[in-house]
Amino acid sequence: MFEGMDLNKMMSQVQEMAAKAKEEGADTIFTSKMGGGMIELSINGNSEVINLDIDDSLLEDKDSLKILLISAMNDVIKQSDESKKAMAMNMMGGMNPFAK
């Protein structure tokens, strides 16, 4: 079944794609706004927080701040994960180990 396949070449391709995806991920920005914009959180495609804006009125309402912040974090992480999955599917579509 795996005759004629160069596994080293395939692994090299996978490593190259992963490095490219990480590089592209740093340039992709995901932003979530919660509470009508009272919380705005941005992460890059590598899931690193790059910006957080909090409306001053939330500084006196710890419970609301906590709820909105958690919601914003979950939202941007979901956006990033969906983007990573789509990118992986696109990359794997171009890699057919059974093609000659």
PDB file of N, CA and C in Angstrom:
ATOM      1  N   MET A   1       0.814  -1.198   0.000  1.00  0.00           N
ATOM      2  CA  MET A   1       0.000   0.000   0.000  1.00  0.00           C
ATOM      3  C   MET A   1       0.859   1.264   0.000  1.00  0.00           C
ATOM      4  N   PHE A   2       1.966   1.241   0.739  1.00  0.00           N
ATOM      5  CA  PHE A   2       2.805   2.430   0.848  1.00  0.00           C
ATOM      6  C   PHE A   2       4.061   2.331  -0.014  1.00  0.00           C
ATOM      7  N   GLU A   3       4.079   1.386  -0.952  1.00  0.00           N
ATOM      8  CA  GLU A   3       5.246   1.225  -1.808  1.00  0.00           C
ATOM      9  C   GLU A   3       5.425   2.449  -2.693  1.00  0.00           C
ATOM     10  N   GLY A   4       6.661   2.840  -2.872  1.00  0.00           N
ATOM     11  CA  GLY A   4       6.961   3.962  -3.748  1.00  0.00           C
ATOM     12  C   GLY A   4       6.731   5.332  -3.122  1.00  0.00           C
ATOM     13  N   MET A   5       6.281   5.368  -1.871  1.00  0.00           N
ATOM     14  CA  MET A   5       6.058   6.662  -1.197  1.00  0.00           C
ATOM     15  C   MET A   5       7.321   7.051  -0.449  1.00  0.00           C
ATOM     16  N   ASP A   6       7.736   8.285  -0.595  1.00  0.00           N
ATOM     17  CA  ASP A   6       8.912   8.798   0.091  1.00  0.00           C
ATOM     18  C   ASP A   6       8.438   9.497   1.365  1.00  0.00           C
ATOM     19  N   LEU A   7       8.478   8.755   2.482  1.00  0.00           N
ATOM     20  CA  LEU A   7       7.977   9.302   3.749  1.00  0.00           C
ATOM     21  C   LEU A   7       8.800  10.485   4.225  1.00  0.00           C
ATOM     22  N   ASN A   8      10.110  10.468   3.962  1.00  0.00           N
ATOM     23  CA  ASN A   8      10.949  11.606   4.358  1.00  0.00           C
ATOM     24  C   ASN A   8      10.530  12.868   3.624  1.00  0.00           C
ATOM     25  N   LYS A   9      10.237  12.718   2.339  1.00  0.00           N
ATOM     26  CA  LYS A   9       9.790  13.861   1.544  1.00  0.00           C
ATOM     27  C   LYS A   9       8.450  14.374   2.061  1.00  0.00           C
ATOM     28  N   MET A  10       7.549  13.451   2.394  1.00  0.00           N
ATOM     29  CA  MET A  10       6.242  13.856   2.928  1.00  0.00           C
ATOM     30  C   MET A  10       6.394  14.601   4.250  1.00  0.00           C
ATOM     31  N   MET A  11       7.251  14.085   5.119  1.00  0.00           N
ATOM     32  CA  MET A  11       7.462  14.731   6.418  1.00  0.00           C
ATOM     33  C   MET A  11       8.065  16.124   6.233  1.00  0.00           C
ATOM     34  N   SER A  12       8.974  16.247   5.284  1.00  0.00           N
ATOM     35  CA  SER A  12       9.583  17.543   4.984  1.00  0.00           C
ATOM     36  C   SER A  12       8.520  18.529   4.510  1.00  0.00           C
ATOM     37  N   GLN A  13       7.602  18.061   3.661  1.00  0.00           N
ATOM     38  CA  GLN A  13       6.515  18.916   3.174  1.00  0.00           C
ATOM     39  C   GLN A  13       5.616  19.357   4.325  1.00  0.00           C
ATOM     40  N   VAL A  14       5.311  18.433   5.218  1.00  0.00           N
ATOM     41  CA  VAL A  14       4.454  18.752   6.368  1.00  0.00           C
ATOM     42  C   VAL A  14       5.129  19.796   7.249  1.00  0.00           C
ATOM     43  N   GLN A  15       6.424  19.653   7.490  1.00  0.00           N
ATOM     44  CA  GLN A  15       7.153  20.606   8.314  1.00  0.00           C
ATOM     45  C   GLN A  15       7.189  21.981   7.666  1.00  0.00           C
ATOM     46  N   GLU A  16       7.383  22.015   6.355  1.00  0.00           N
ATOM     47  CA  GLU A  16       7.388  23.291   5.638  1.00  0.00           C
ATOM     48  C   GLU A  16       6.026  23.971   5.731  1.00  0.00           C
ATOM     49  N   MET A  17       4.965  23.179   5.574  1.00  0.00           N
ATOM     50  CA  MET A  17       3.606  23.730   5.650  1.00  0.00           C
ATOM     51  C   MET A  17       3.310  24.262   7.053  1.00  0.00           C
ATOM     52  N   ALA A  18       3.772  23.543   8.064  1.00  0.00           N
ATOM     53  CA  ALA A  18       3.539  23.983   9.438  1.00  0.00           C
ATOM     54  C   ALA A  18       4.266  25.292   9.722  1.00  0.00           C
ATOM     55  N   ALA A  19       5.485  25.414   9.242  1.00  0.00           N
ATOM     56  CA  ALA A  19       6.245  26.657   9.437  1.00  0.00           C
ATOM     57  C   ALA A  19       5.575  27.815   8.721  1.00  0.00           C
ATOM     58  N   LYS A  20       5.094  27.569   7.512  1.00  0.00           N
ATOM     59  CA  LYS A  20       4.402  28.603   6.747  1.00  0.00           C
ATOM     60  C   LYS A  20       3.109  29.018   7.446  1.00  0.00           C
ATOM     61  N   ALA A  21       2.374  28.041   7.968  1.00  0.00           N
ATOM     62  CA  ALA A  21       1.122  28.334   8.660  1.00  0.00           C
ATOM     63  C   ALA A  21       1.362  29.176   9.906  1.00  0.00           C
ATOM     64  N   LYS A  22       2.438  28.869  10.640  1.00  0.00           N
ATOM     65  CA  LYS A  22       2.747  29.639  11.841  1.00  0.00           C
ATOM     66  C   LYS A  22       3.109  31.076  11.477  1.00  0.00           C
ATOM     67  N   GLU A  23       3.875  31.232  10.409  1.00  0.00           N
ATOM     68  CA  GLU A  23       4.261  32.567   9.952  1.00  0.00           C
ATOM     69  C   GLU A  23       3.029  33.366   9.509  1.00  0.00           C
ATOM     70  N   GLU A  24       2.157  32.729   8.741  1.00  0.00           N
ATOM     71  CA  GLU A  24       0.940  33.394   8.287  1.00  0.00           C
ATOM     72  C   GLU A  24       0.017  33.687   9.459  1.00  0.00           C
ATOM     73  N   GLY A  25       0.026  32.800  10.450  1.00  0.00           N
ATOM     74  CA  GLY A  25      -0.830  32.977  11.624  1.00  0.00           C
ATOM     75  C   GLY A  25      -0.507  34.231  12.393  1.00  0.00           C
ATOM     76  N   ALA A  26       0.753  34.592  12.434  1.00  0.00           N
ATOM     77  CA  ALA A  26       1.151  35.799  13.160  1.00  0.00           C
ATOM     78  C   ALA A  26       0.590  37.050  12.500  1.00  0.00           C
ATOM     79  N   ASP A  27       0.312  36.970  11.203  1.00  0.00           N
ATOM     80  CA  ASP A  27      -0.210  38.123  10.465  1.00  0.00           C
ATOM     81  C   ASP A  27      -1.737  38.199  10.458  1.00  0.00           C
ATOM     82  N   THR A  28      -2.396  37.123  10.859  1.00  0.00           N
ATOM     83  CA  THR A  28      -3.858  37.079  10.859  1.00  0.00           C
ATOM     84  C   THR A  28      -4.367  37.559  12.212  1.00  0.00           C
ATOM     85  N   ILE A  29      -5.331  38.473  12.187  1.00  0.00           N
ATOM     86  CA  ILE A  29      -5.874  39.037  13.423  1.00  0.00           C
ATOM     87  C   ILE A  29      -7.352  38.646  13.559  1.00  0.00           C
ATOM     88  N   PHE A  30      -7.719  38.194  14.752  1.00  0.00           N
ATOM     89  CA  PHE A  30      -9.106  37.879  15.083  1.00  0.00           C
ATOM     90  C   PHE A  30      -9.522  38.804  16.217  1.00  0.00           C
ATOM     91  N   THR A  31     -10.693  39.420  16.069  1.00  0.00           N
ATOM     92  CA  THR A  31     -11.160  40.377  17.072  1.00  0.00           C
ATOM     93  C   THR A  31     -12.583  40.031  17.497  1.00  0.00           C
ATOM     94  N   SER A  32     -12.839  40.173  18.781  1.00  0.00           N
ATOM     95  CA  SER A  32     -14.175  39.968  19.324  1.00  0.00           C
ATOM     96  C   SER A  32     -14.560  41.178  20.150  1.00  0.00           C
ATOM     97  N   LYS A  33     -15.786  41.642  19.950  1.00  0.00           N
ATOM     98  CA  LYS A  33     -16.330  42.740  20.757  1.00  0.00           C
ATOM     99  C   LYS A  33     -17.536  42.212  21.515  1.00  0.00           C
ATOM    100  N   MET A  34     -17.565  42.473  22.789  1.00  0.00           N
ATOM    101  CA  MET A  34     -18.665  42.023  23.635  1.00  0.00           C
ATOM    102  C   MET A  34     -19.245  43.211  24.391  1.00  0.00           C
ATOM    103  N   GLY A  35     -20.492  43.061  24.811  1.00  0.00           N
ATOM    104  CA  GLY A  35     -21.145  44.117  25.586  1.00  0.00           C
ATOM    105  C   GLY A  35     -21.269  45.407  24.806  1.00  0.00           C
ATOM    106  N   GLY A  36     -21.605  45.290  23.520  1.00  0.00           N
ATOM    107  CA  GLY A  36     -21.743  46.490  22.705  1.00  0.00           C
ATOM    108  C   GLY A  36     -20.432  47.229  22.520  1.00  0.00           C
ATOM    109  N   GLY A  37     -19.332  46.499  22.567  1.00  0.00           N
ATOM    110  CA  GLY A  37     -18.014  47.104  22.375  1.00  0.00           C
ATOM    111  C   GLY A  37     -17.337  47.526  23.664  1.00  0.00           C
ATOM    112  N   MET A  38     -17.933  47.177  24.803  1.00  0.00           N
ATOM    113  CA  MET A  38     -17.310  47.531  26.083  1.00  0.00           C
ATOM    114  C   MET A  38     -16.014  46.745  26.304  1.00  0.00           C
ATOM    115  N   ILE A  39     -15.958  45.557  25.712  1.00  0.00           N
ATOM    116  CA  ILE A  39     -14.743  44.735  25.729  1.00  0.00           C
ATOM    117  C   ILE A  39     -14.378  44.470  24.277  1.00  0.00           C
ATOM    118  N   GLU A  40     -13.123  44.697  23.925  1.00  0.00           N
ATOM    119  CA  GLU A  40     -12.626  44.347  22.603  1.00  0.00           C
ATOM    120  C   GLU A  40     -11.302  43.621  22.784  1.00  0.00           C
ATOM    121  N   LEU A  41     -11.262  42.382  22.291  1.00  0.00           N
ATOM    122  CA  LEU A  41     -10.085  41.532  22.461  1.00  0.00           C
ATOM    123  C   LEU A  41      -9.619  41.079  21.089  1.00  0.00           C
ATOM    124  N   SER A  42      -8.312  41.190  20.824  1.00  0.00           N
ATOM    125  CA  SER A  42      -7.740  40.750  19.555  1.00  0.00           C
ATOM    126  C   SER A  42      -6.597  39.787  19.817  1.00  0.00           C
ATOM    127  N   ILE A  43      -6.577  38.709  19.010  1.00  0.00           N
ATOM    128  CA  ILE A  43      -5.474  37.760  19.051  1.00  0.00           C
ATOM    129  C   ILE A  43      -4.982  37.556  17.620  1.00  0.00           C
ATOM    130  N   ASN A  44      -3.750  37.047  17.497  1.00  0.00           N
ATOM    131  CA  ASN A  44      -3.278  36.702  16.165  1.00  0.00           C
ATOM    132  C   ASN A  44      -3.584  35.228  15.912  1.00  0.00           C
ATOM    133  N   GLY A  45      -3.260  34.756  14.720  1.00  0.00           N
ATOM    134  CA  GLY A  45      -3.550  33.382  14.350  1.00  0.00           C
ATOM    135  C   GLY A  45      -2.773  32.346  15.125  1.00  0.00           C
ATOM    136  N   ASN A  46      -1.792  32.771  15.896  1.00  0.00           N
ATOM    137  CA  ASN A  46      -1.047  31.868  16.767  1.00  0.00           C
ATOM    138  C   ASN A  46      -1.603  31.879  18.188  1.00  0.00           C
ATOM    139  N   SER A  47      -2.805  32.451  18.344  1.00  0.00           N
ATOM    140  CA  SER A  47      -3.519  32.522  19.627  1.00  0.00           C
ATOM    141  C   SER A  47      -2.787  33.345  20.684  1.00  0.00           C
ATOM    142  N   GLU A  48      -2.048  34.357  20.232  1.00  0.00           N
ATOM    143  CA  GLU A  48      -1.370  35.264  21.156  1.00  0.00           C
ATOM    144  C   GLU A  48      -2.202  36.545  21.260  1.00  0.00           C
ATOM    145  N   VAL A  49      -2.512  36.962  22.488  1.00  0.00           N
ATOM    146  CA  VAL A  49      -3.278  38.189  22.689  1.00  0.00           C
ATOM    147  C   VAL A  49      -2.424  39.370  22.259  1.00  0.00           C
ATOM    148  N   ILE A  50      -2.991  40.212  21.388  1.00  0.00           N
ATOM    149  CA  ILE A  50      -2.239  41.367  20.911  1.00  0.00           C
ATOM    150  C   ILE A  50      -2.874  42.692  21.330  1.00  0.00           C
ATOM    151  N   ASN A  51      -4.153  42.644  21.752  1.00  0.00           N
ATOM    152  CA  ASN A  51      -4.796  43.883  22.192  1.00  0.00           C
ATOM    153  C   ASN A  51      -6.004  43.564  23.063  1.00  0.00           C
ATOM    154  N   LEU A  52      -6.218  44.389  24.070  1.00  0.00           N
ATOM    155  CA  LEU A  52      -7.384  44.274  24.930  1.00  0.00           C
ATOM    156  C   LEU A  52      -7.813  45.672  25.335  1.00  0.00           C
ATOM    157  N   ASP A  53      -9.041  46.030  24.985  1.00  0.00           N
ATOM    158  CA  ASP A  53      -9.616  47.314  25.399  1.00  0.00           C
ATOM    159  C   ASP A  53     -10.799  47.041  26.314  1.00  0.00           C
ATOM    160  N   ILE A  54     -10.817  47.739  27.449  1.00  0.00           N
ATOM    161  CA  ILE A  54     -11.898  47.588  28.434  1.00  0.00           C
ATOM    162  C   ILE A  54     -12.467  48.970  28.714  1.00  0.00           C
ATOM    163  N   ASP A  55     -13.784  49.095  28.553  1.00  0.00           N
ATOM    164  CA  ASP A  55     -14.460  50.354  28.860  1.00  0.00           C
ATOM    165  C   ASP A  55     -14.315  50.638  30.354  1.00  0.00           C
ATOM    166  N   ASP A  56     -14.033  51.871  30.686  1.00  0.00           N
ATOM    167  CA  ASP A  56     -13.816  52.257  32.089  1.00  0.00           C
ATOM    168  C   ASP A  56     -14.994  51.911  32.991  1.00  0.00           C
ATOM    169  N   SER A  57     -16.207  51.953  32.463  1.00  0.00           N
ATOM    170  CA  SER A  57     -17.388  51.683  33.297  1.00  0.00           C
ATOM    171  C   SER A  57     -17.396  50.252  33.831  1.00  0.00           C
ATOM    172  N   LEU A  58     -16.694  49.339  33.172  1.00  0.00           N
ATOM    173  CA  LEU A  58     -16.661  47.948  33.635  1.00  0.00           C
ATOM    174  C   LEU A  58     -15.710  47.740  34.809  1.00  0.00           C
ATOM    175  N   LEU A  59     -14.844  48.701  35.054  1.00  0.00           N
ATOM    176  CA  LEU A  59     -13.874  48.545  36.132  1.00  0.00           C
ATOM    177  C   LEU A  59     -14.531  48.535  37.512  1.00  0.00           C
ATOM    178  N   GLU A  60     -15.754  49.013  37.571  1.00  0.00           N
ATOM    179  CA  GLU A  60     -16.484  49.016  38.838  1.00  0.00           C
ATOM    180  C   GLU A  60     -17.455  47.854  38.951  1.00  0.00           C
ATOM    181  N   ASP A  61     -17.579  47.053  37.892  1.00  0.00           N
ATOM    182  CA  ASP A  61     -18.517  45.924  37.866  1.00  0.00           C
ATOM    183  C   ASP A  61     -17.746  44.649  37.516  1.00  0.00           C
ATOM    184  N   LYS A  62     -17.140  44.084  38.540  1.00  0.00           N
ATOM    185  CA  LYS A  62     -16.247  42.939  38.342  1.00  0.00           C
ATOM    186  C   LYS A  62     -16.958  41.753  37.693  1.00  0.00           C
ATOM    187  N   ASP A  63     -18.189  41.468  38.079  1.00  0.00           N
ATOM    188  CA  ASP A  63     -18.904  40.320  37.527  1.00  0.00           C
ATOM    189  C   ASP A  63     -19.174  40.482  36.032  1.00  0.00           C
ATOM    190  N   SER A  64     -19.629  41.655  35.628  1.00  0.00           N
ATOM    191  CA  SER A  64     -19.873  41.901  34.201  1.00  0.00           C
ATOM    192  C   SER A  64     -18.570  41.855  33.420  1.00  0.00           C
ATOM    193  N   LEU A  65     -17.522  42.427  33.975  1.00  0.00           N
ATOM    194  CA  LEU A  65     -16.211  42.408  33.326  1.00  0.00           C
ATOM    195  C   LEU A  65     -15.768  40.967  33.089  1.00  0.00           C
ATOM    196  N   LYS A  66     -15.912  40.149  34.106  1.00  0.00           N
ATOM    197  CA  LYS A  66     -15.507  38.745  34.013  1.00  0.00           C
ATOM    198  C   LYS A  66     -16.308  38.014  32.935  1.00  0.00           C
ATOM    199  N   ILE A  67     -17.613  38.174  32.919  1.00  0.00           N
ATOM    200  CA  ILE A  67     -18.471  37.501  31.936  1.00  0.00           C
ATOM    201  C   ILE A  67     -18.125  37.937  30.515  1.00  0.00           C
ATOM    202  N   LEU A  68     -17.992  39.241  30.303  1.00  0.00           N
ATOM    203  CA  LEU A  68     -17.695  39.751  28.961  1.00  0.00           C
ATOM    204  C   LEU A  68     -16.297  39.350  28.492  1.00  0.00           C
ATOM    205  N   LEU A  69     -15.352  39.358  29.401  1.00  0.00           N
ATOM    206  CA  LEU A  69     -13.981  38.979  29.054  1.00  0.00           C
ATOM    207  C   LEU A  69     -13.900  37.501  28.679  1.00  0.00           C
ATOM    208  N   ILE A  70     -14.541  36.655  29.446  1.00  0.00           N
ATOM    209  CA  ILE A  70     -14.565  35.217  29.133  1.00  0.00           C
ATOM    210  C   ILE A  70     -15.247  34.986  27.792  1.00  0.00           C
ATOM    211  N   SER A  71     -16.354  35.668  27.550  1.00  0.00           N
ATOM    212  CA  SER A  71     -17.063  35.527  26.271  1.00  0.00           C
ATOM    213  C   SER A  71     -16.186  35.957  25.100  1.00  0.00           C
ATOM    214  N   ALA A  72     -15.485  37.063  25.246  1.00  0.00           N
ATOM    215  CA  ALA A  72     -14.609  37.556  24.180  1.00  0.00           C
ATOM    216  C   ALA A  72     -13.461  36.578  23.927  1.00  0.00           C
ATOM    217  N   MET A  73     -12.875  36.045  25.001  1.00  0.00           N
ATOM    218  CA  MET A  73     -11.773  35.084  24.847  1.00  0.00           C
ATOM    219  C   MET A  73     -12.245  33.829  24.124  1.00  0.00           C
ATOM    220  N   ASN A  74     -13.384  33.301  24.533  1.00  0.00           N
ATOM    221  CA  ASN A  74     -13.905  32.100  23.885  1.00  0.00           C
ATOM    222  C   ASN A  74     -14.213  32.358  22.415  1.00  0.00           C
ATOM    223  N   ASP A  75     -14.737  33.528  22.103  1.00  0.00           N
ATOM    224  CA  ASP A  75     -15.087  33.862  20.730  1.00  0.00           C
ATOM    225  C   ASP A  75     -13.855  33.943  19.829  1.00  0.00           C
ATOM    226  N   VAL A  76     -12.815  34.656  20.262  1.00  0.00           N
ATOM    227  CA  VAL A  76     -11.627  34.780  19.399  1.00  0.00           C
ATOM    228  C   VAL A  76     -10.878  33.458  19.275  1.00  0.00           C
ATOM    229  N   ILE A  77     -10.875  32.658  20.317  1.00  0.00           N
ATOM    230  CA  ILE A  77     -10.228  31.342  20.239  1.00  0.00           C
ATOM    231  C   ILE A  77     -10.977  30.463  19.234  1.00  0.00           C
ATOM    232  N   LYS A  78     -12.298  30.527  19.256  1.00  0.00           N
ATOM    233  CA  LYS A  78     -13.097  29.761  18.295  1.00  0.00           C
ATOM    234  C   LYS A  78     -12.814  30.227  16.869  1.00  0.00           C
ATOM    235  N   GLN A  79     -12.734  31.533  16.658  1.00  0.00           N
ATOM    236  CA  GLN A  79     -12.425  32.070  15.335  1.00  0.00           C
ATOM    237  C   GLN A  79     -11.062  31.552  14.850  1.00  0.00           C
ATOM    238  N   SER A  80     -10.080  31.605  15.725  1.00  0.00           N
ATOM    239  CA  SER A  80      -8.729  31.166  15.388  1.00  0.00           C
ATOM    240  C   SER A  80      -8.696  29.677  15.081  1.00  0.00           C
ATOM    241  N   ASP A  81      -9.369  28.873  15.898  1.00  0.00           N
ATOM    242  CA  ASP A  81      -9.400  27.424  15.679  1.00  0.00           C
ATOM    243  C   ASP A  81     -10.049  27.071  14.346  1.00  0.00           C
ATOM    244  N   GLU A  82     -11.150  27.749  14.030  1.00  0.00           N
ATOM    245  CA  GLU A  82     -11.835  27.477  12.762  1.00  0.00           C
ATOM    246  C   GLU A  82     -10.942  27.844  11.580  1.00  0.00           C
ATOM    247  N   SER A  83     -10.206  28.922  11.712  1.00  0.00           N
ATOM    248  CA  SER A  83      -9.286  29.331  10.647  1.00  0.00           C
ATOM    249  C   SER A  83      -8.172  28.305  10.473  1.00  0.00           C
ATOM    250  N   LYS A  84      -7.636  27.802  11.582  1.00  0.00           N
ATOM    251  CA  LYS A  84      -6.572  26.800  11.523  1.00  0.00           C
ATOM    252  C   LYS A  84      -7.077  25.518  10.864  1.00  0.00           C
ATOM    253  N   LYS A  85      -8.293  25.112  11.201  1.00  0.00           N
ATOM    254  CA  LYS A  85      -8.857  23.903  10.599  1.00  0.00           C
ATOM    255  C   LYS A  85      -9.035  24.080   9.100  1.00  0.00           C
ATOM    256  N   ALA A  86      -9.545  25.225   8.684  1.00  0.00           N
ATOM    257  CA  ALA A  86      -9.744  25.493   7.256  1.00  0.00           C
ATOM    258  C   ALA A  86      -8.407  25.503   6.522  1.00  0.00           C
ATOM    259  N   MET A  87      -7.396  26.109   7.142  1.00  0.00           N
ATOM    260  CA  MET A  87      -6.068  26.163   6.521  1.00  0.00           C
ATOM    261  C   MET A  87      -5.481  24.755   6.398  1.00  0.00           C
ATOM    262  N   ALA A  88      -5.661  23.946   7.419  1.00  0.00           N
ATOM    263  CA  ALA A  88      -5.134  22.580   7.391  1.00  0.00           C
ATOM    264  C   ALA A  88      -5.819  21.763   6.297  1.00  0.00           C
ATOM    265  N   MET A  89      -7.120  21.931   6.161  1.00  0.00           N
ATOM    266  CA  MET A  89      -7.848  21.201   5.118  1.00  0.00           C
ATOM    267  C   MET A  89      -7.367  21.628   3.730  1.00  0.00           C
ATOM    268  N   ASN A  90      -7.127  22.920   3.554  1.00  0.00           N
ATOM    269  CA  ASN A  90      -6.630  23.406   2.270  1.00  0.00           C
ATOM    270  C   ASN A  90      -5.247  22.852   1.972  1.00  0.00           C
ATOM    271  N   MET A  91      -4.397  22.808   2.987  1.00  0.00           N
ATOM    272  CA  MET A  91      -3.044  22.296   2.787  1.00  0.00           C
ATOM    273  C   MET A  91      -3.065  20.810   2.469  1.00  0.00           C
ATOM    274  N   MET A  92      -3.878  20.071   3.175  1.00  0.00           N
ATOM    275  CA  MET A  92      -3.920  18.618   2.964  1.00  0.00           C
ATOM    276  C   MET A  92      -4.539  18.288   1.615  1.00  0.00           C
ATOM    277  N   GLY A  93      -5.391  19.167   1.113  1.00  0.00           N
ATOM    278  CA  GLY A  93      -5.988  18.946  -0.186  1.00  0.00           C
ATOM    279  C   GLY A  93      -4.964  18.953  -1.295  1.00  0.00           C
ATOM    280  N   GLY A  94      -3.883  19.689  -1.103  1.00  0.00           N
ATOM    281  CA  GLY A  94      -2.836  19.771  -2.117  1.00  0.00           C
ATOM    282  C   GLY A  94      -1.761  18.719  -1.951  1.00  0.00           C
ATOM    283  N   MET A  95      -1.917  17.881  -0.945  1.00  0.00           N
ATOM    284  CA  MET A  95      -0.885  16.883  -0.673  1.00  0.00           C
ATOM    285  C   MET A  95      -1.482  15.494  -0.830  1.00  0.00           C
ATOM    286  N   ASN A  96      -1.247  14.853  -1.942  1.00  0.00           N
ATOM    287  CA  ASN A  96      -1.779  13.531  -2.197  1.00  0.00           C
ATOM    288  C   ASN A  96      -0.620  12.518  -2.230  1.00  0.00           C
ATOM    289  N   PRO A  97      -0.463  11.745  -1.180  1.00  0.00           N
ATOM    290  CA  PRO A  97       0.668  10.807  -1.120  1.00  0.00           C
ATOM    291  C   PRO A  97       0.547   9.666  -2.124  1.00  0.00           C
ATOM    292  N   PHE A  98      -0.628   9.497  -2.725  1.00  0.00           N
ATOM    293  CA  PHE A  98      -0.825   8.394  -3.653  1.00  0.00           C
ATOM    294  C   PHE A  98      -0.692   8.822  -5.111  1.00  0.00           C
ATOM    295  N   ALA A  99      -0.467  10.115  -5.328  1.00  0.00           N
ATOM    296  CA  ALA A  99      -0.278  10.595  -6.700  1.00  0.00           C
ATOM    297  C   ALA A  99       1.117  10.215  -7.192  1.00  0.00           C
ATOM    298  N   LYS A 100       1.223   9.961  -8.455  1.00  0.00           N
ATOM    299  CA  LYS A 100       2.529   9.580  -9.005  1.00  0.00           C
ATOM    300  C   LYS A 100       3.125  10.701  -9.793  1.00  0.00           C
TER     301      LYS A 100
END
